[in-house]
Amino acid sequence: MLIQAQYMKQMAVKNDSLVTEFVFMGLTDQPSLQLPLFFMFLLNYTATVIGNLSLMILICLNSHLHTPMYFFLFNLSFVDFCYSFVCTPKMLMGFVSEKNIISYTGCMTQLFFFGFFVNSECYVLTAMAYDRYVAICKPLMYAILMSPRMCFLLMFGSYLMGFASAMAHTGCMIRLSFCDSNTINHYMCEIFPLLQLSCSSIYANELVSSLIACIVVIVSGLVILTSYISILLNIVHMSSATGWSKAMGTCGSHIVTVSLFYGSGLLTYVKPASAESVDQGKFFSVLYTLVVPMLNPLIYSLRNKDVKLAAKRTVMRIRSWCVFSSL
């Protein structure tokens, strides 16, 4: 009984020292910028939700968009749509509240879904690159290689890899102890700002982060790079200018999306460790967490004739329905 009492006392002391909530420093500590940033990111959030939701609805309602290319685009919009709910609402609340607080459970939940959607988007973009490779380099085999079953397996694998990565990151984070400091130098529960607050060994976390990053670079980066090298070589050997223009047209949007997503990710994480780099990292993370999900629907719709046609047909259906309803 005495041993049990001592053990319970030690556990009580330990639990009292554990952090139960975190405080976000946010993007800036200047009061004059809080309100302008709130309205700017509220506009960004609204555009992201409406843009991605509209693109998903267009793809669902128009049968001529029921192809592998638009199946992958639907999933990209779905990931971006869900992605926008992970950190943006909490960040918006931080601009108008006196103290930007998140509970420990809420922080770990945000970390999990952040990791899930970021990693899933990497693999969805990879599947889209493979789809473009097959369409341009192996057009006669396209229907076989990109069958509905294969498309489903590619998306299932993308979400499974995203889930496994998120579980690994969150599982390693939960085992850490946070003793005194609870102020996160960020606007969301991100891996590296959280690791800086831990009072226990973070070796396993750094090892897991490096391993997952290597897997993403090797699997995703290699497939995308190989696909576009093959596409480029195929385009060079095309004698028809029309074929060259069509090939570039089908790949242009994806190249822009990949460049923005991976470029902003590299600028966020591949940098020297310093006080200035932390603030720079927060700025660049805004690009791939807030700006890229907003731009993706625009990138894939502005120069896409199929999407424009689908939008016109959908508007005509809505008008016809409104006229019919008023009769």
Protein backbone atom coordinates (compact mmCIF):
# COMPACT_ATOMS: atom_id res chain seq x y z
CA MET A 1 0.00 0.00 0.00
CA LEU A 2 2.86 2.37 0.84
CA ILE A 3 4.53 1.68 -2.53
CA GLN A 4 1.24 2.22 -4.34
CA ALA A 5 0.66 5.52 -2.50
CA GLN A 6 4.17 6.74 -3.40
CA TYR A 7 3.61 5.75 -7.03
CA MET A 8 0.29 7.61 -7.18
CA LYS A 9 1.91 10.68 -5.63
CA GLN A 10 4.71 10.63 -8.24
CA MET A 11 2.16 10.30 -11.04
CA ALA A 12 0.17 13.23 -9.65
CA VAL A 13 3.27 15.42 -9.59
CA LYS A 14 4.11 14.34 -13.11
CA ASN A 15 0.61 15.05 -14.42
CA ASP A 16 0.63 18.48 -12.77
CA SER A 17 3.75 19.36 -14.75
CA LEU A 18 2.33 18.24 -18.10
CA VAL A 19 1.01 20.81 -20.58
CA THR A 20 -2.76 20.55 -21.09
CA GLU A 21 -3.06 23.37 -23.63
CA PHE A 22 -0.92 25.28 -26.09
CA VAL A 23 -0.81 28.95 -27.06
CA PHE A 24 -0.24 29.94 -30.69
CA MET A 25 1.98 32.95 -31.38
CA GLY A 26 0.31 33.26 -34.79
CA LEU A 27 1.65 34.90 -37.91
CA THR A 28 2.40 38.26 -36.28
CA ASP A 29 2.31 39.90 -32.86
CA GLN A 30 1.48 43.37 -34.23
CA PRO A 31 -2.08 44.39 -33.20
CA SER A 32 -2.51 46.70 -36.19
CA LEU A 33 -2.18 43.77 -38.59
CA GLN A 34 -4.61 41.39 -36.86
CA LEU A 35 -7.84 42.71 -38.40
CA PRO A 36 -6.51 43.16 -41.98
CA LEU A 37 -5.04 39.64 -41.87
CA PHE A 38 -8.34 38.28 -40.54
CA PHE A 39 -10.32 39.66 -43.49
CA MET A 40 -7.64 38.64 -46.00
CA PHE A 41 -7.54 35.01 -44.82
CA LEU A 42 -11.33 34.91 -44.41
CA LEU A 43 -11.57 35.81 -48.11
CA ASN A 44 -8.95 33.15 -48.87
CA TYR A 45 -10.87 30.55 -46.83
CA THR A 46 -14.18 31.39 -48.54
CA ALA A 47 -12.59 31.17 -52.01
CA THR A 48 -10.94 27.83 -51.14
CA VAL A 49 -14.17 26.24 -49.90
CA ILE A 50 -16.35 27.57 -52.73
CA GLY A 51 -13.77 26.85 -55.46
CA ASN A 52 -13.03 23.26 -54.48
CA LEU A 53 -16.66 22.44 -53.67
CA SER A 54 -17.80 23.87 -57.01
CA LEU A 55 -15.22 21.84 -58.92
CA MET A 56 -16.29 18.64 -57.14
CA ILE A 57 -19.96 19.33 -57.93
CA LEU A 58 -19.17 20.02 -61.60
CA ILE A 59 -17.27 16.74 -61.92
CA CYS A 60 -20.11 14.80 -60.27
CA LEU A 61 -22.92 16.36 -62.32
CA ASN A 62 -21.32 16.18 -65.79
CA SER A 63 -20.88 12.73 -67.31
CA HIS A 64 -18.23 13.87 -69.83
CA LEU A 65 -15.94 14.57 -66.84
CA HIS A 66 -16.23 11.00 -65.54
CA THR A 67 -12.74 10.07 -66.70
CA PRO A 68 -9.58 9.07 -64.78
CA MET A 69 -8.09 12.57 -65.12
CA TYR A 70 -11.11 14.23 -63.49
CA PHE A 71 -11.48 11.42 -60.96
CA PHE A 72 -8.01 12.34 -59.68
CA LEU A 73 -8.87 16.05 -59.89
CA PHE A 74 -12.00 15.39 -57.81
CA ASN A 75 -9.84 13.75 -55.14
CA LEU A 76 -7.35 16.65 -55.24
CA SER A 77 -10.20 19.11 -54.67
CA PHE A 78 -11.61 16.88 -51.94
CA VAL A 79 -8.26 16.85 -50.12
CA ASP A 80 -7.90 20.64 -50.47
CA PHE A 81 -11.50 21.15 -49.34
CA CYS A 82 -10.96 19.06 -46.19
CA TYR A 83 -7.49 20.53 -45.76
CA SER A 84 -8.96 24.03 -45.47
CA PHE A 85 -10.88 23.03 -42.32
CA VAL A 86 -7.80 21.79 -40.45
CA CYS A 87 -5.99 25.00 -39.55
CA THR A 88 -7.73 28.01 -41.17
CA PRO A 89 -10.76 28.33 -38.82
CA LYS A 90 -8.51 28.19 -35.75
CA MET A 91 -6.11 30.70 -37.28
CA LEU A 92 -9.00 33.08 -38.06
CA MET A 93 -10.19 32.84 -34.45
CA GLY A 94 -6.68 33.71 -33.31
CA PHE A 95 -6.80 37.04 -35.14
CA VAL A 96 -9.89 38.22 -33.21
CA SER A 97 -9.40 36.55 -29.81
CA GLU A 98 -7.28 37.87 -26.96
CA LYS A 99 -5.45 34.58 -26.41
CA ASN A 100 -5.12 31.95 -29.13
CA ILE A 101 -5.36 28.69 -27.15
CA ILE A 102 -5.80 25.08 -28.25
CA SER A 103 -6.13 22.05 -25.98
CA TYR A 104 -3.56 19.25 -26.03
CA THR A 105 -6.12 16.86 -27.56
CA GLY A 106 -7.15 19.46 -30.13
CA CYS A 107 -3.51 20.07 -31.03
CA MET A 108 -2.80 16.37 -31.58
CA THR A 109 -6.00 16.05 -33.63
CA GLN A 110 -4.99 19.00 -35.79
CA LEU A 111 -1.51 17.53 -36.22
CA PHE A 112 -2.96 14.19 -37.35
CA PHE A 113 -5.32 15.65 -39.98
CA PHE A 114 -2.66 18.10 -41.15
CA GLY A 115 -0.25 15.20 -41.75
CA PHE A 116 -2.97 13.06 -43.32
CA PHE A 117 -4.08 15.60 -45.91
CA VAL A 118 -0.60 16.95 -46.73
CA ASN A 119 0.82 13.48 -47.37
CA SER A 120 -2.32 12.36 -49.21
CA GLU A 121 -2.03 15.37 -51.53
CA CYS A 122 1.56 14.39 -52.34
CA TYR A 123 0.43 10.95 -53.50
CA VAL A 124 -2.67 12.25 -55.31
CA LEU A 125 -0.40 14.56 -57.32
CA THR A 126 1.83 11.55 -57.99
CA ALA A 127 -1.11 9.52 -59.31
CA MET A 128 -2.08 12.46 -61.54
CA ALA A 129 1.45 12.57 -62.98
CA TYR A 130 1.29 8.84 -63.75
CA ASP A 131 -2.12 9.35 -65.41
CA ARG A 132 -0.69 12.07 -67.69
CA TYR A 133 2.29 9.82 -68.53
CA VAL A 134 0.00 6.97 -69.63
CA ALA A 135 -2.29 9.34 -71.58
CA ILE A 136 0.57 10.86 -73.60
CA CYS A 137 3.17 8.07 -73.82
CA LYS A 138 0.87 5.02 -73.97
CA PRO A 139 -2.45 6.30 -75.40
CA LEU A 140 -3.46 2.93 -76.91
CA MET A 141 -3.09 1.25 -73.49
CA TYR A 142 -4.77 4.06 -71.55
CA ALA A 143 -8.15 2.37 -71.10
CA ILE A 144 -6.46 -0.77 -69.74
CA LEU A 145 -3.76 0.82 -67.59
CA MET A 146 -6.12 3.44 -66.13
CA SER A 147 -9.15 1.22 -65.58
CA PRO A 148 -11.66 2.16 -62.84
CA ARG A 149 -10.14 -0.53 -60.61
CA MET A 150 -6.62 0.89 -61.07
CA CYS A 151 -7.82 4.45 -60.39
CA PHE A 152 -9.52 3.30 -57.20
CA LEU A 153 -6.39 1.43 -56.07
CA LEU A 154 -4.20 4.48 -56.73
CA MET A 155 -6.47 6.71 -54.63
CA PHE A 156 -6.84 4.09 -51.91
CA GLY A 157 -3.04 3.81 -51.78
CA SER A 158 -2.72 7.61 -51.62
CA TYR A 159 -5.05 7.90 -48.64
CA LEU A 160 -3.54 4.83 -46.97
CA MET A 161 -0.02 6.29 -47.24
CA GLY A 162 -1.30 9.62 -45.91
CA PHE A 163 -3.02 7.86 -43.00
CA ALA A 164 0.09 5.80 -42.15
CA SER A 165 2.31 8.91 -42.20
CA ALA A 166 -0.11 10.87 -40.00
CA MET A 167 -0.38 7.98 -37.53
CA ALA A 168 3.41 7.70 -37.33
CA HIS A 169 3.89 11.45 -36.71
CA THR A 170 1.05 11.73 -34.20
CA GLY A 171 1.97 8.51 -32.39
CA CYS A 172 5.53 9.69 -31.89
CA MET A 173 4.32 13.13 -30.77
CA ILE A 174 1.93 11.71 -28.17
CA ARG A 175 4.75 9.82 -26.44
CA LEU A 176 6.63 13.09 -25.80
CA SER A 177 6.36 15.11 -22.58
CA PHE A 178 5.65 18.86 -22.61
CA CYS A 179 6.61 20.27 -19.22
CA ASP A 180 6.88 24.04 -18.96
CA SER A 181 6.80 25.94 -22.23
CA ASN A 182 3.51 25.76 -24.13
CA THR A 183 3.84 28.64 -26.62
CA ILE A 184 3.98 27.40 -30.23
CA ASN A 185 5.78 29.77 -32.59
CA HIS A 186 3.30 29.09 -35.38
CA TYR A 187 -0.38 29.47 -36.30
CA MET A 188 -1.06 25.70 -36.14
CA CYS A 189 0.18 22.52 -34.47
CA GLU A 190 3.05 21.73 -36.79
CA ILE A 191 5.68 19.04 -36.11
CA PHE A 192 8.89 21.01 -35.71
CA PRO A 193 7.53 23.90 -33.58
CA LEU A 194 6.05 21.27 -31.25
CA LEU A 195 9.33 19.35 -31.03
CA GLN A 196 11.04 22.54 -29.84
CA LEU A 197 8.75 22.59 -26.78
CA SER A 198 9.33 18.98 -25.69
CA CYS A 199 11.29 18.25 -22.53
CA SER A 200 11.95 14.63 -23.52
CA SER A 201 14.10 13.04 -26.21
CA ILE A 202 12.94 13.86 -29.76
CA TYR A 203 15.39 11.54 -31.52
CA ALA A 204 12.66 9.06 -32.54
CA ASN A 205 10.47 11.88 -33.87
CA GLU A 206 13.27 13.31 -35.98
CA LEU A 207 14.08 9.83 -37.27
CA VAL A 208 10.44 9.17 -38.23
CA SER A 209 10.12 12.61 -39.86
CA SER A 210 13.28 12.02 -41.91
CA LEU A 211 12.11 8.54 -42.91
CA ILE A 212 8.67 9.76 -44.04
CA ALA A 213 10.24 12.68 -45.93
CA CYS A 214 12.59 10.24 -47.71
CA ILE A 215 9.67 7.98 -48.66
CA VAL A 216 7.71 10.95 -50.05
CA VAL A 217 10.73 12.21 -52.01
CA ILE A 218 11.64 8.77 -53.35
CA VAL A 219 8.12 7.56 -54.20
CA SER A 220 6.34 10.79 -55.09
CA GLY A 221 9.26 12.83 -56.41
CA LEU A 222 10.75 10.00 -58.46
CA VAL A 223 7.45 9.03 -60.09
CA ILE A 224 6.60 12.65 -60.97
CA LEU A 225 10.09 13.36 -62.30
CA THR A 226 10.26 10.13 -64.32
CA SER A 227 6.76 10.72 -65.73
CA TYR A 228 7.57 14.20 -66.96
CA ILE A 229 10.95 13.24 -68.37
CA SER A 230 9.18 10.52 -70.37
CA ILE A 231 6.48 12.98 -71.45
CA LEU A 232 9.10 15.54 -72.51
CA LEU A 233 10.98 12.96 -74.57
CA ASN A 234 7.71 11.89 -76.17
CA ILE A 235 6.78 15.49 -76.99
CA VAL A 236 10.19 16.15 -78.58
CA HIS A 237 9.60 13.28 -81.02
CA MET A 238 6.13 14.55 -81.97
CA SER A 239 6.02 15.83 -85.55
CA SER A 240 2.62 17.46 -85.18
CA ALA A 241 2.44 20.91 -83.60
CA THR A 242 -1.18 20.21 -82.63
CA GLY A 243 -0.15 17.07 -80.74
CA TRP A 244 2.63 18.97 -78.96
CA SER A 245 0.23 21.76 -77.97
CA LYS A 246 -2.40 19.28 -76.73
CA ALA A 247 0.18 17.35 -74.69
CA MET A 248 1.44 20.52 -73.04
CA GLY A 249 -2.11 21.68 -72.41
CA THR A 250 -3.00 18.51 -70.50
CA CYS A 251 0.16 18.72 -68.36
CA GLY A 252 0.46 22.48 -67.83
CA SER A 253 -2.01 22.75 -64.94
CA HIS A 254 -0.49 19.80 -63.11
CA ILE A 255 3.06 21.15 -63.52
CA VAL A 256 1.99 24.51 -62.02
CA THR A 257 0.24 22.79 -59.09
CA VAL A 258 3.20 20.49 -58.36
CA SER A 259 5.66 23.40 -58.59
CA LEU A 260 3.64 25.53 -56.16
CA PHE A 261 3.00 22.73 -53.66
CA TYR A 262 6.46 21.17 -53.57
CA GLY A 263 8.24 24.52 -54.01
CA SER A 264 6.54 26.11 -51.01
CA GLY A 265 7.07 22.91 -48.99
CA LEU A 266 10.80 22.92 -49.70
CA LEU A 267 11.09 26.61 -48.84
CA THR A 268 9.35 25.88 -45.53
CA TYR A 269 11.41 22.92 -44.34
CA VAL A 270 14.75 23.03 -46.19
CA LYS A 271 16.38 26.00 -44.49
CA PRO A 272 19.06 26.74 -41.87
CA ALA A 273 17.98 26.73 -38.23
CA SER A 274 17.81 30.33 -37.02
CA ALA A 275 15.36 32.78 -35.47
CA GLU A 276 14.76 34.49 -38.83
CA SER A 277 14.17 31.15 -40.59
CA VAL A 278 11.31 30.35 -38.17
CA ASP A 279 9.39 33.45 -39.29
CA GLN A 280 10.25 32.72 -42.92
CA GLY A 281 9.00 29.16 -42.44
CA LYS A 282 5.65 30.45 -41.17
CA PHE A 283 5.35 32.70 -44.22
CA PHE A 284 6.15 29.92 -46.70
CA SER A 285 3.86 27.47 -44.89
CA VAL A 286 1.00 29.90 -45.63
CA LEU A 287 1.61 29.20 -49.32
CA TYR A 288 1.07 25.46 -49.23
CA THR A 289 -1.53 25.38 -46.44
CA LEU A 290 -3.70 28.33 -47.52
CA VAL A 291 -2.75 29.71 -50.95
CA VAL A 292 -2.21 26.51 -52.98
CA PRO A 293 -5.59 24.93 -52.02
CA MET A 294 -7.28 28.17 -53.12
CA LEU A 295 -5.40 28.34 -56.44
CA ASN A 296 -5.84 24.71 -57.51
CA PRO A 297 -9.49 25.09 -58.69
CA LEU A 298 -8.50 28.21 -60.65
CA ILE A 299 -5.47 26.54 -62.20
CA TYR A 300 -7.54 23.58 -63.41
CA SER A 301 -10.53 25.58 -64.64
CA LEU A 302 -9.34 28.82 -66.26
CA ARG A 303 -7.63 27.13 -69.24
CA ASN A 304 -9.68 23.91 -69.23
CA LYS A 305 -12.33 23.76 -71.95
CA ASP A 306 -14.03 20.70 -70.45
CA VAL A 307 -14.50 22.38 -67.08
CA LYS A 308 -15.77 25.59 -68.73
CA LEU A 309 -18.25 23.55 -70.77
CA ALA A 310 -19.38 21.71 -67.64
CA ALA A 311 -19.86 25.04 -65.84
CA LYS A 312 -22.00 26.41 -68.70
CA ARG A 313 -24.14 23.26 -68.79
CA THR A 314 -24.63 23.35 -65.03
CA VAL A 315 -25.65 27.04 -65.10
CA MET A 316 -28.13 26.28 -67.90
CA ARG A 317 -29.59 23.40 -65.87
CA ILE A 318 -29.99 25.66 -62.84
CA ARG A 319 -31.68 28.35 -64.97
CA SER A 320 -34.02 25.79 -66.52
CA TRP A 321 -34.88 24.42 -63.10
CA CYS A 322 -35.57 27.93 -61.76
CA VAL A 323 -37.83 28.72 -64.73
CA PHE A 324 -39.66 25.40 -64.37
CA SER A 325 -40.10 25.97 -60.61
CA SER A 326 -41.57 29.45 -61.16
CA LEU A 327 -44.28 28.13 -63.52
